[in-house]
Amino acid sequence: MNQLFKGAGVALITPFNENYSIDYDTLGLIIDNQVLGGMDYLVALGTTGETPSLTKNEKSNVVRYVVEKADAKVPVMVGIGGNNTQNVIKDIQSFDLTGVDGLLIVTPFYNRPSQEGLFRHYKAISEESSLPIILYNVPSRTGVNMEAETVVRLTEECKNIIAIKEASGILSQLATIEKYTPDEFLLISGDDVLALPIISIGGKGHISVIANAYPKKLSSLIHAGIADDYIQSRKIHMELLDLFKLIFKEGSPGGLKALMQSLGICKNILRSPLAPISDKLYNEISKASKLIQ
């Protein structure tokens, strides 16, 4: 099961129509592009998908659509998280997860639990989940960093915790996770600009934002890195580097949706409280995209 999430994954956007309803036709085209572009798996209901602004019914519909559109060609991971442990468990138990291959569970946000609190949160969830769990550490968004020692402890006590999406940017922490977790445990990058460095210290893959726009480029970068072909992976990394930074300059997925509109893929529409990026940054992103071969 672990190997399902080795390689290149994409955190799917949620495209919207002018009336802010979900644009399923565009979502379907994006999914098709991911499969054709060599991406290894799809991630629905992540941060990039503007999940906090979706209703519970919309979340359920998105998952069903992604699973059906993927049609077992690639595995599907679904984000389910929150800062109330029992509510997360109830969501897992009540959600239709047919065809879903793993759950991406973000660290609790706002209430800033201790390391012991994080351990108990994930242990309780793991005991109630029949699906593999992928930890998600993103302290820039949640306000809490899950330390390497906590991750190692969870892998020792919870056998269905199979991976971590790491977006802390603390390379020493990531290296410690890689060193002290079991060989089959997957260290997955959660930051486009750090994907190659993380793979170089033993990471087994990446969940990407920019892959929504450039699946073939991103999958080639990750696959070359995992194969220790750092000349090729570094070449692609450098080609995409400016865009890696630009699409996050005024927040994600605002920069990404601007890029995708400039490429003719989707509309540059976000749900409040997110707002479109500035015209200045839009022009910078559009200009940088024209340099991608």
C-alpha atoms as a PDB file:
ATOM      1  CA  MET A   1       0.000   0.000   0.000  1.00  0.00           C
ATOM      2  CA  ASN A   2       2.841   2.416   0.793  1.00  0.00           C
ATOM      3  CA  GLN A   3       4.146   2.271  -2.749  1.00  0.00           C
ATOM      4  CA  LEU A   4       0.859   3.667  -4.077  1.00  0.00           C
ATOM      5  CA  PHE A   5       2.032   7.075  -2.913  1.00  0.00           C
ATOM      6  CA  LYS A   6       5.624   6.897  -4.036  1.00  0.00           C
ATOM      7  CA  GLY A   7       6.529   9.339  -6.785  1.00  0.00           C
ATOM      8  CA  ALA A   8       4.647  12.375  -8.061  1.00  0.00           C
ATOM      9  CA  GLY A   9       1.302  13.418  -6.608  1.00  0.00           C
ATOM     10  CA  VAL A  10      -0.786  16.504  -7.358  1.00  0.00           C
ATOM     11  CA  ALA A  11      -2.812  18.561  -4.908  1.00  0.00           C
ATOM     12  CA  LEU A  12      -5.769  19.257  -7.192  1.00  0.00           C
ATOM     13  CA  ILE A  13      -7.289  22.715  -7.466  1.00  0.00           C
ATOM     14  CA  THR A  14     -11.046  23.213  -7.359  1.00  0.00           C
ATOM     15  CA  PRO A  15     -11.984  25.173 -10.499  1.00  0.00           C
ATOM     16  CA  PHE A  16     -14.966  27.487 -10.191  1.00  0.00           C
ATOM     17  CA  ASN A  17     -17.460  28.971 -12.641  1.00  0.00           C
ATOM     18  CA  GLU A  18     -18.338  32.681 -12.709  1.00  0.00           C
ATOM     19  CA  ASN A  19     -21.154  32.008 -10.222  1.00  0.00           C
ATOM     20  CA  TYR A  20     -18.650  30.256  -7.893  1.00  0.00           C
ATOM     21  CA  SER A  21     -20.127  26.812  -8.450  1.00  0.00           C
ATOM     22  CA  ILE A  22     -17.617  23.999  -9.002  1.00  0.00           C
ATOM     23  CA  ASP A  23     -16.514  23.661 -12.618  1.00  0.00           C
ATOM     24  CA  TYR A  24     -16.458  19.878 -12.930  1.00  0.00           C
ATOM     25  CA  ASP A  25     -15.752  19.926 -16.673  1.00  0.00           C
ATOM     26  CA  THR A  26     -12.465  21.746 -16.083  1.00  0.00           C
ATOM     27  CA  LEU A  27     -11.641  19.558 -13.091  1.00  0.00           C
ATOM     28  CA  GLY A  28     -12.089  16.528 -15.340  1.00  0.00           C
ATOM     29  CA  LEU A  29      -9.729  17.963 -17.952  1.00  0.00           C
ATOM     30  CA  ILE A  30      -7.127  18.670 -15.281  1.00  0.00           C
ATOM     31  CA  ILE A  31      -7.373  15.096 -13.992  1.00  0.00           C
ATOM     32  CA  ASP A  32      -7.002  13.734 -17.516  1.00  0.00           C
ATOM     33  CA  ASN A  33      -3.910  15.905 -17.990  1.00  0.00           C
ATOM     34  CA  GLN A  34      -2.398  14.548 -14.764  1.00  0.00           C
ATOM     35  CA  VAL A  35      -2.808  10.944 -15.870  1.00  0.00           C
ATOM     36  CA  LEU A  36      -1.487  11.642 -19.374  1.00  0.00           C
ATOM     37  CA  GLY A  37       1.374  13.664 -17.893  1.00  0.00           C
ATOM     38  CA  GLY A  38       2.704  10.732 -15.884  1.00  0.00           C
ATOM     39  CA  MET A  39       1.595  11.782 -12.420  1.00  0.00           C
ATOM     40  CA  ASP A  40       1.412   8.842 -10.021  1.00  0.00           C
ATOM     41  CA  TYR A  41      -1.556   9.799  -7.843  1.00  0.00           C
ATOM     42  CA  LEU A  42      -4.178  12.477  -7.153  1.00  0.00           C
ATOM     43  CA  VAL A  43      -4.875  14.358  -3.927  1.00  0.00           C
ATOM     44  CA  ALA A  44      -8.393  15.728  -3.455  1.00  0.00           C
ATOM     45  CA  LEU A  45      -9.523  18.192  -0.763  1.00  0.00           C
ATOM     46  CA  GLY A  46      -6.089  19.569   0.010  1.00  0.00           C
ATOM     47  CA  THR A  47      -5.179  23.177   0.759  1.00  0.00           C
ATOM     48  CA  THR A  48      -4.736  23.868  -2.961  1.00  0.00           C
ATOM     49  CA  GLY A  49      -8.337  22.796  -3.509  1.00  0.00           C
ATOM     50  CA  GLU A  50      -9.645  25.660  -1.326  1.00  0.00           C
ATOM     51  CA  THR A  51     -11.238  22.995   0.838  1.00  0.00           C
ATOM     52  CA  PRO A  52     -12.131  25.322   3.757  1.00  0.00           C
ATOM     53  CA  SER A  53     -14.508  27.190   1.435  1.00  0.00           C
ATOM     54  CA  LEU A  54     -16.328  24.053   0.241  1.00  0.00           C
ATOM     55  CA  THR A  55     -19.525  22.806   1.843  1.00  0.00           C
ATOM     56  CA  LYS A  56     -19.679  19.277   3.242  1.00  0.00           C
ATOM     57  CA  ASN A  57     -21.852  18.226   0.308  1.00  0.00           C
ATOM     58  CA  GLU A  58     -19.410  19.753  -2.189  1.00  0.00           C
ATOM     59  CA  LYS A  59     -16.510  17.950  -0.555  1.00  0.00           C
ATOM     60  CA  SER A  60     -18.330  14.649  -0.885  1.00  0.00           C
ATOM     61  CA  ASN A  61     -19.184  15.367  -4.520  1.00  0.00           C
ATOM     62  CA  VAL A  62     -15.596  16.328  -5.359  1.00  0.00           C
ATOM     63  CA  VAL A  63     -14.265  13.091  -3.877  1.00  0.00           C
ATOM     64  CA  ARG A  64     -16.787  10.998  -5.776  1.00  0.00           C
ATOM     65  CA  TYR A  65     -15.980  12.847  -9.005  1.00  0.00           C
ATOM     66  CA  VAL A  66     -12.208  12.486  -8.610  1.00  0.00           C
ATOM     67  CA  VAL A  67     -12.469   8.777  -7.795  1.00  0.00           C
ATOM     68  CA  GLU A  68     -14.744   8.105 -10.764  1.00  0.00           C
ATOM     69  CA  LYS A  69     -12.654  10.210 -13.138  1.00  0.00           C
ATOM     70  CA  ALA A  70      -9.425   8.557 -12.000  1.00  0.00           C
ATOM     71  CA  ASP A  71     -11.115   5.249 -12.809  1.00  0.00           C
ATOM     72  CA  ALA A  72      -8.445   3.263 -10.933  1.00  0.00           C
ATOM     73  CA  LYS A  73      -5.763   4.482 -13.381  1.00  0.00           C
ATOM     74  CA  VAL A  74      -4.022   6.228 -10.481  1.00  0.00           C
ATOM     75  CA  PRO A  75      -4.544   6.077  -6.701  1.00  0.00           C
ATOM     76  CA  VAL A  76      -6.548   8.776  -4.912  1.00  0.00           C
ATOM     77  CA  MET A  77      -5.636  10.384  -1.590  1.00  0.00           C
ATOM     78  CA  VAL A  78      -8.207  12.536   0.227  1.00  0.00           C
ATOM     79  CA  GLY A  79      -7.598  15.299   2.745  1.00  0.00           C
ATOM     80  CA  ILE A  80      -9.652  15.037   5.910  1.00  0.00           C
ATOM     81  CA  GLY A  81      -8.500  17.047   8.882  1.00  0.00           C
ATOM     82  CA  GLY A  82      -9.445  19.469  11.623  1.00  0.00           C
ATOM     83  CA  ASN A  83      -8.667  20.633  15.126  1.00  0.00           C
ATOM     84  CA  ASN A  84     -11.284  18.489  16.871  1.00  0.00           C
ATOM     85  CA  THR A  85     -10.140  14.881  17.052  1.00  0.00           C
ATOM     86  CA  GLN A  86     -13.582  13.368  17.477  1.00  0.00           C
ATOM     87  CA  ASN A  87     -15.011  15.378  14.590  1.00  0.00           C
ATOM     88  CA  VAL A  88     -12.219  14.162  12.314  1.00  0.00           C
ATOM     89  CA  ILE A  89     -13.028  10.580  13.296  1.00  0.00           C
ATOM     90  CA  LYS A  90     -16.750  11.181  12.639  1.00  0.00           C
ATOM     91  CA  ASP A  91     -15.932  12.643   9.218  1.00  0.00           C
ATOM     92  CA  ILE A  92     -13.877   9.576   8.313  1.00  0.00           C
ATOM     93  CA  GLN A  93     -16.665   7.268   9.455  1.00  0.00           C
ATOM     94  CA  SER A  94     -19.460   9.170   7.685  1.00  0.00           C
ATOM     95  CA  PHE A  95     -17.729  10.058   4.411  1.00  0.00           C
ATOM     96  CA  ASP A  96     -18.184   7.850   1.354  1.00  0.00           C
ATOM     97  CA  LEU A  97     -14.573   6.804   0.862  1.00  0.00           C
ATOM     98  CA  THR A  98     -15.238   4.028  -1.646  1.00  0.00           C
ATOM     99  CA  GLY A  99     -12.319   3.886  -4.059  1.00  0.00           C
ATOM    100  CA  VAL A 100     -10.116   6.110  -1.895  1.00  0.00           C
ATOM    101  CA  ASP A 101      -6.633   4.723  -1.225  1.00  0.00           C
ATOM    102  CA  GLY A 102      -5.382   6.882   1.646  1.00  0.00           C
ATOM    103  CA  LEU A 103      -6.206   9.809   3.943  1.00  0.00           C
ATOM    104  CA  LEU A 104      -4.109  12.964   4.249  1.00  0.00           C
ATOM    105  CA  ILE A 105      -4.575  14.239   7.808  1.00  0.00           C
ATOM    106  CA  VAL A 106      -3.259  17.732   8.550  1.00  0.00           C
ATOM    107  CA  THR A 107      -2.027  18.653  12.026  1.00  0.00           C
ATOM    108  CA  PRO A 108      -4.677  20.436  14.129  1.00  0.00           C
ATOM    109  CA  PHE A 109      -4.651  24.179  13.518  1.00  0.00           C
ATOM    110  CA  TYR A 110      -5.328  27.217  15.719  1.00  0.00           C
ATOM    111  CA  ASN A 111      -5.460  25.394  19.070  1.00  0.00           C
ATOM    112  CA  ARG A 112      -1.715  24.564  18.780  1.00  0.00           C
ATOM    113  CA  PRO A 113      -1.452  21.213  20.603  1.00  0.00           C
ATOM    114  CA  SER A 114       1.728  19.990  22.255  1.00  0.00           C
ATOM    115  CA  GLN A 115       3.732  17.104  20.791  1.00  0.00           C
ATOM    116  CA  GLU A 116       1.880  14.769  23.156  1.00  0.00           C
ATOM    117  CA  GLY A 117      -1.414  16.234  21.948  1.00  0.00           C
ATOM    118  CA  LEU A 118      -0.400  15.640  18.333  1.00  0.00           C
ATOM    119  CA  PHE A 119       0.568  12.062  19.125  1.00  0.00           C
ATOM    120  CA  ARG A 120      -2.767  11.334  20.826  1.00  0.00           C
ATOM    121  CA  HIS A 121      -4.707  13.026  18.000  1.00  0.00           C
ATOM    122  CA  TYR A 122      -3.158  10.860  15.304  1.00  0.00           C
ATOM    123  CA  LYS A 123      -3.175   7.688  17.380  1.00  0.00           C
ATOM    124  CA  ALA A 124      -6.920   8.048  18.029  1.00  0.00           C
ATOM    125  CA  ILE A 125      -7.576   8.629  14.330  1.00  0.00           C
ATOM    126  CA  SER A 126      -5.396   5.706  13.258  1.00  0.00           C
ATOM    127  CA  GLU A 127      -7.318   3.364  15.568  1.00  0.00           C
ATOM    128  CA  GLU A 128     -10.606   4.308  13.869  1.00  0.00           C
ATOM    129  CA  SER A 129      -9.431   4.391  10.242  1.00  0.00           C
ATOM    130  CA  SER A 130      -9.538   1.404   7.914  1.00  0.00           C
ATOM    131  CA  LEU A 131      -7.508   3.371   5.343  1.00  0.00           C
ATOM    132  CA  PRO A 132      -3.803   4.189   5.403  1.00  0.00           C
ATOM    133  CA  ILE A 133      -2.982   7.575   6.914  1.00  0.00           C
ATOM    134  CA  ILE A 134      -0.544  10.145   5.577  1.00  0.00           C
ATOM    135  CA  LEU A 135       0.497  12.725   8.170  1.00  0.00           C
ATOM    136  CA  TYR A 136       0.599  16.335   6.978  1.00  0.00           C
ATOM    137  CA  ASN A 137       2.917  18.813   8.675  1.00  0.00           C
ATOM    138  CA  VAL A 138       2.578  22.413   7.445  1.00  0.00           C
ATOM    139  CA  PRO A 139       3.392  24.748  10.356  1.00  0.00           C
ATOM    140  CA  SER A 140       3.201  27.915   8.239  1.00  0.00           C
ATOM    141  CA  ARG A 141      -0.553  27.306   7.961  1.00  0.00           C
ATOM    142  CA  THR A 142      -1.415  25.477  11.183  1.00  0.00           C
ATOM    143  CA  GLY A 143       0.760  27.258  13.754  1.00  0.00           C
ATOM    144  CA  VAL A 144       2.268  24.022  15.078  1.00  0.00           C
ATOM    145  CA  ASN A 145       5.267  21.963  13.954  1.00  0.00           C
ATOM    146  CA  MET A 146       5.170  18.190  14.384  1.00  0.00           C
ATOM    147  CA  GLU A 147       8.690  17.256  15.406  1.00  0.00           C
ATOM    148  CA  ALA A 148      10.618  14.289  14.056  1.00  0.00           C
ATOM    149  CA  GLU A 149      10.469  12.451  17.377  1.00  0.00           C
ATOM    150  CA  THR A 150       6.664  12.560  17.313  1.00  0.00           C
ATOM    151  CA  VAL A 151       6.574  11.219  13.769  1.00  0.00           C
ATOM    152  CA  VAL A 152       8.924   8.368  14.678  1.00  0.00           C
ATOM    153  CA  ARG A 153       6.827   7.524  17.739  1.00  0.00           C
ATOM    154  CA  LEU A 154       3.669   7.403  15.630  1.00  0.00           C
ATOM    155  CA  THR A 155       5.256   5.043  13.089  1.00  0.00           C
ATOM    156  CA  GLU A 156       6.253   2.729  15.928  1.00  0.00           C
ATOM    157  CA  GLU A 157       2.755   2.548  17.420  1.00  0.00           C
ATOM    158  CA  CYS A 158       0.414   3.025  14.448  1.00  0.00           C
ATOM    159  CA  LYS A 159       1.019   0.619  11.598  1.00  0.00           C
ATOM    160  CA  ASN A 160      -1.491   2.253   9.263  1.00  0.00           C
ATOM    161  CA  ILE A 161       0.421   5.551   9.361  1.00  0.00           C
ATOM    162  CA  ILE A 162       2.453   5.002   6.210  1.00  0.00           C
ATOM    163  CA  ALA A 163       3.826   8.396   5.174  1.00  0.00           C
ATOM    164  CA  ILE A 164       4.205  12.079   5.934  1.00  0.00           C
ATOM    165  CA  LYS A 165       3.712  15.056   3.674  1.00  0.00           C
ATOM    166  CA  GLU A 166       6.314  17.414   5.099  1.00  0.00           C
ATOM    167  CA  ALA A 167       6.116  21.155   4.408  1.00  0.00           C
ATOM    168  CA  SER A 168       8.025  22.543   7.378  1.00  0.00           C
ATOM    169  CA  GLY A 169      11.105  23.329   5.302  1.00  0.00           C
ATOM    170  CA  ILE A 170      13.339  22.210   8.190  1.00  0.00           C
ATOM    171  CA  LEU A 171      15.798  19.956   6.385  1.00  0.00           C
ATOM    172  CA  SER A 172      17.434  18.668   9.586  1.00  0.00           C
ATOM    173  CA  GLN A 173      13.995  17.578  10.816  1.00  0.00           C
ATOM    174  CA  LEU A 174      13.234  15.883   7.508  1.00  0.00           C
ATOM    175  CA  ALA A 175      16.571  14.066   7.542  1.00  0.00           C
ATOM    176  CA  THR A 176      15.863  12.811  11.066  1.00  0.00           C
ATOM    177  CA  ILE A 177      12.471  11.498   9.960  1.00  0.00           C
ATOM    178  CA  GLU A 178      14.080   9.712   7.030  1.00  0.00           C
ATOM    179  CA  LYS A 179      16.800   8.213   9.231  1.00  0.00           C
ATOM    180  CA  TYR A 180      14.682   6.904  12.082  1.00  0.00           C
ATOM    181  CA  THR A 181      11.411   5.803  10.465  1.00  0.00           C
ATOM    182  CA  PRO A 182      10.990   2.313   8.938  1.00  0.00           C
ATOM    183  CA  ASP A 183      12.320   1.735   5.421  1.00  0.00           C
ATOM    184  CA  GLU A 184       8.815   1.365   4.019  1.00  0.00           C
ATOM    185  CA  PHE A 185       7.663   4.695   5.521  1.00  0.00           C
ATOM    186  CA  LEU A 186       7.414   7.433   2.883  1.00  0.00           C
ATOM    187  CA  LEU A 187       8.854  10.896   3.392  1.00  0.00           C
ATOM    188  CA  ILE A 188       6.929  13.046   0.889  1.00  0.00           C
ATOM    189  CA  SER A 189       7.783  16.647   0.067  1.00  0.00           C
ATOM    190  CA  GLY A 190       4.964  19.150   0.440  1.00  0.00           C
ATOM    191  CA  ASP A 191       6.710  22.156  -1.099  1.00  0.00           C
ATOM    192  CA  ASP A 192       7.512  22.430  -4.817  1.00  0.00           C
ATOM    193  CA  VAL A 193      10.736  24.365  -4.310  1.00  0.00           C
ATOM    194  CA  LEU A 194      12.030  21.788  -1.786  1.00  0.00           C
ATOM    195  CA  ALA A 195      10.973  18.627  -3.628  1.00  0.00           C
ATOM    196  CA  LEU A 196      14.407  17.935  -5.114  1.00  0.00           C
ATOM    197  CA  PRO A 197      16.376  18.651  -1.895  1.00  0.00           C
ATOM    198  CA  ILE A 198      14.041  16.366   0.060  1.00  0.00           C
ATOM    199  CA  ILE A 199      14.379  13.573  -2.487  1.00  0.00           C
ATOM    200  CA  SER A 200      18.153  13.962  -2.313  1.00  0.00           C
ATOM    201  CA  ILE A 201      18.118  13.034   1.397  1.00  0.00           C
ATOM    202  CA  GLY A 202      15.907   9.996   0.846  1.00  0.00           C
ATOM    203  CA  GLY A 203      12.422  11.364   0.229  1.00  0.00           C
ATOM    204  CA  LYS A 204      10.220   9.085  -1.841  1.00  0.00           C
ATOM    205  CA  GLY A 205       8.228  11.682  -3.712  1.00  0.00           C
ATOM    206  CA  HIS A 206       6.288  14.902  -3.706  1.00  0.00           C
ATOM    207  CA  ILE A 207       2.736  16.292  -3.595  1.00  0.00           C
ATOM    208  CA  SER A 208       2.851  19.220  -5.973  1.00  0.00           C
ATOM    209  CA  VAL A 209       0.940  22.438  -6.541  1.00  0.00           C
ATOM    210  CA  ILE A 210       2.448  23.455  -9.882  1.00  0.00           C
ATOM    211  CA  ALA A 211       1.722  20.003 -11.369  1.00  0.00           C
ATOM    212  CA  ASN A 212      -1.843  21.226 -11.930  1.00  0.00           C
ATOM    213  CA  ALA A 213      -0.342  23.321 -14.737  1.00  0.00           C
ATOM    214  CA  TYR A 214       2.722  21.267 -15.685  1.00  0.00           C
ATOM    215  CA  PRO A 215       2.135  17.575 -14.880  1.00  0.00           C
ATOM    216  CA  LYS A 216       4.645  16.200 -17.377  1.00  0.00           C
ATOM    217  CA  LYS A 217       7.414  18.543 -16.224  1.00  0.00           C
ATOM    218  CA  LEU A 218       6.789  17.851 -12.552  1.00  0.00           C
ATOM    219  CA  SER A 219       6.487  14.090 -12.910  1.00  0.00           C
ATOM    220  CA  SER A 220       9.721  14.011 -14.915  1.00  0.00           C
ATOM    221  CA  LEU A 221      11.506  16.041 -12.225  1.00  0.00           C
ATOM    222  CA  ILE A 222      10.365  13.712  -9.442  1.00  0.00           C
ATOM    223  CA  HIS A 223      10.940  10.466 -11.328  1.00  0.00           C
ATOM    224  CA  ALA A 224      14.453  11.536 -12.345  1.00  0.00           C
ATOM    225  CA  GLY A 225      15.270  12.512  -8.753  1.00  0.00           C
ATOM    226  CA  ILE A 226      14.049   9.209  -7.321  1.00  0.00           C
ATOM    227  CA  ALA A 227      16.177   7.424  -9.943  1.00  0.00           C
ATOM    228  CA  ASP A 228      19.223   9.437  -8.763  1.00  0.00           C
ATOM    229  CA  ASP A 229      19.393  11.253 -12.112  1.00  0.00           C
ATOM    230  CA  TYR A 230      20.114  14.582 -10.485  1.00  0.00           C
ATOM    231  CA  ILE A 231      21.414  16.181 -13.660  1.00  0.00           C
ATOM    232  CA  GLN A 232      18.005  15.842 -15.323  1.00  0.00           C
ATOM    233  CA  SER A 233      15.954  16.597 -12.211  1.00  0.00           C
ATOM    234  CA  ARG A 234      18.065  19.665 -11.434  1.00  0.00           C
ATOM    235  CA  LYS A 235      17.606  20.924 -14.995  1.00  0.00           C
ATOM    236  CA  ILE A 236      13.806  20.775 -14.693  1.00  0.00           C
ATOM    237  CA  HIS A 237      13.911  22.212 -11.169  1.00  0.00           C
ATOM    238  CA  MET A 238      15.847  25.241 -12.400  1.00  0.00           C
ATOM    239  CA  GLU A 239      13.499  25.688 -15.352  1.00  0.00           C
ATOM    240  CA  LEU A 240      10.501  25.852 -13.000  1.00  0.00           C
ATOM    241  CA  LEU A 241      12.226  27.647 -10.114  1.00  0.00           C
ATOM    242  CA  ASP A 242      10.940  31.171 -10.801  1.00  0.00           C
ATOM    243  CA  LEU A 243       7.370  29.929 -11.126  1.00  0.00           C
ATOM    244  CA  PHE A 244       7.726  27.840  -7.951  1.00  0.00           C
ATOM    245  CA  LYS A 245       8.323  31.101  -6.094  1.00  0.00           C
ATOM    246  CA  LEU A 246       5.999  33.403  -8.016  1.00  0.00           C
ATOM    247  CA  ILE A 247       2.839  31.322  -7.629  1.00  0.00           C
ATOM    248  CA  PHE A 248       3.175  31.526  -3.827  1.00  0.00           C
ATOM    249  CA  LYS A 249       4.148  35.198  -3.644  1.00  0.00           C
ATOM    250  CA  GLU A 250       0.621  36.422  -2.851  1.00  0.00           C
ATOM    251  CA  GLY A 251      -0.740  33.134  -1.527  1.00  0.00           C
ATOM    252  CA  SER A 252      -1.845  29.804  -2.904  1.00  0.00           C
ATOM    253  CA  PRO A 253      -3.798  28.847  -4.947  1.00  0.00           C
ATOM    254  CA  GLY A 254      -4.224  32.437  -6.165  1.00  0.00           C
ATOM    255  CA  GLY A 255      -0.919  32.409  -8.014  1.00  0.00           C
ATOM    256  CA  LEU A 256      -1.575  28.946  -9.391  1.00  0.00           C
ATOM    257  CA  LYS A 257      -5.006  29.820 -10.753  1.00  0.00           C
ATOM    258  CA  ALA A 258      -3.532  32.931 -12.387  1.00  0.00           C
ATOM    259  CA  LEU A 259      -0.897  30.747 -14.035  1.00  0.00           C
ATOM    260  CA  MET A 260      -3.496  28.275 -15.216  1.00  0.00           C
ATOM    261  CA  GLN A 261      -5.672  31.020 -16.664  1.00  0.00           C
ATOM    262  CA  SER A 262      -2.668  32.428 -18.519  1.00  0.00           C
ATOM    263  CA  LEU A 263      -2.150  28.938 -19.969  1.00  0.00           C
ATOM    264  CA  GLY A 264      -5.833  28.663 -20.953  1.00  0.00           C
ATOM    265  CA  ILE A 265      -6.555  25.809 -18.523  1.00  0.00           C
ATOM    266  CA  CYS A 266      -9.059  27.290 -16.068  1.00  0.00           C
ATOM    267  CA  LYS A 267     -10.689  30.503 -14.891  1.00  0.00           C
ATOM    268  CA  ASN A 268      -8.929  32.696 -12.359  1.00  0.00           C
ATOM    269  CA  ILE A 269     -11.770  32.516  -9.838  1.00  0.00           C
ATOM    270  CA  LEU A 270     -11.341  31.948  -6.097  1.00  0.00           C
ATOM    271  CA  ARG A 271     -13.855  31.807  -3.274  1.00  0.00           C
ATOM    272  CA  SER A 272     -13.711  34.410  -0.519  1.00  0.00           C
ATOM    273  CA  PRO A 273     -11.773  35.011   1.667  1.00  0.00           C
ATOM    274  CA  LEU A 274      -9.186  34.303  -1.025  1.00  0.00           C
ATOM    275  CA  ALA A 275      -8.855  36.920  -3.752  1.00  0.00           C
ATOM    276  CA  PRO A 276      -7.142  37.059  -7.149  1.00  0.00           C
ATOM    277  CA  ILE A 277      -3.520  38.156  -7.184  1.00  0.00           C
ATOM    278  CA  SER A 278      -2.416  41.645  -8.281  1.00  0.00           C
ATOM    279  CA  ASP A 279      -2.135  42.552 -11.955  1.00  0.00           C
ATOM    280  CA  LYS A 280       1.610  43.114 -11.485  1.00  0.00           C
ATOM    281  CA  LEU A 281       2.194  39.584 -10.203  1.00  0.00           C
ATOM    282  CA  TYR A 282      -0.159  38.138 -12.826  1.00  0.00           C
ATOM    283  CA  ASN A 283       2.001  39.688 -15.538  1.00  0.00           C
ATOM    284  CA  GLU A 284       5.176  38.357 -13.898  1.00  0.00           C
ATOM    285  CA  ILE A 285       3.721  34.842 -13.783  1.00  0.00           C
ATOM    286  CA  SER A 286       2.491  35.038 -17.382  1.00  0.00           C
ATOM    287  CA  LYS A 287       5.907  36.246 -18.548  1.00  0.00           C
ATOM    288  CA  ALA A 288       7.723  33.472 -16.636  1.00  0.00           C
ATOM    289  CA  SER A 289       5.374  30.819 -18.038  1.00  0.00           C
ATOM    290  CA  LYS A 290       6.365  31.746 -21.589  1.00  0.00           C
ATOM    291  CA  LEU A 291       9.923  30.611 -20.825  1.00  0.00           C
ATOM    292  CA  ILE A 292       8.835  27.038 -20.045  1.00  0.00           C
ATOM    293  CA  GLN A 293       9.569  24.747 -22.971  1.00  0.00           C
END
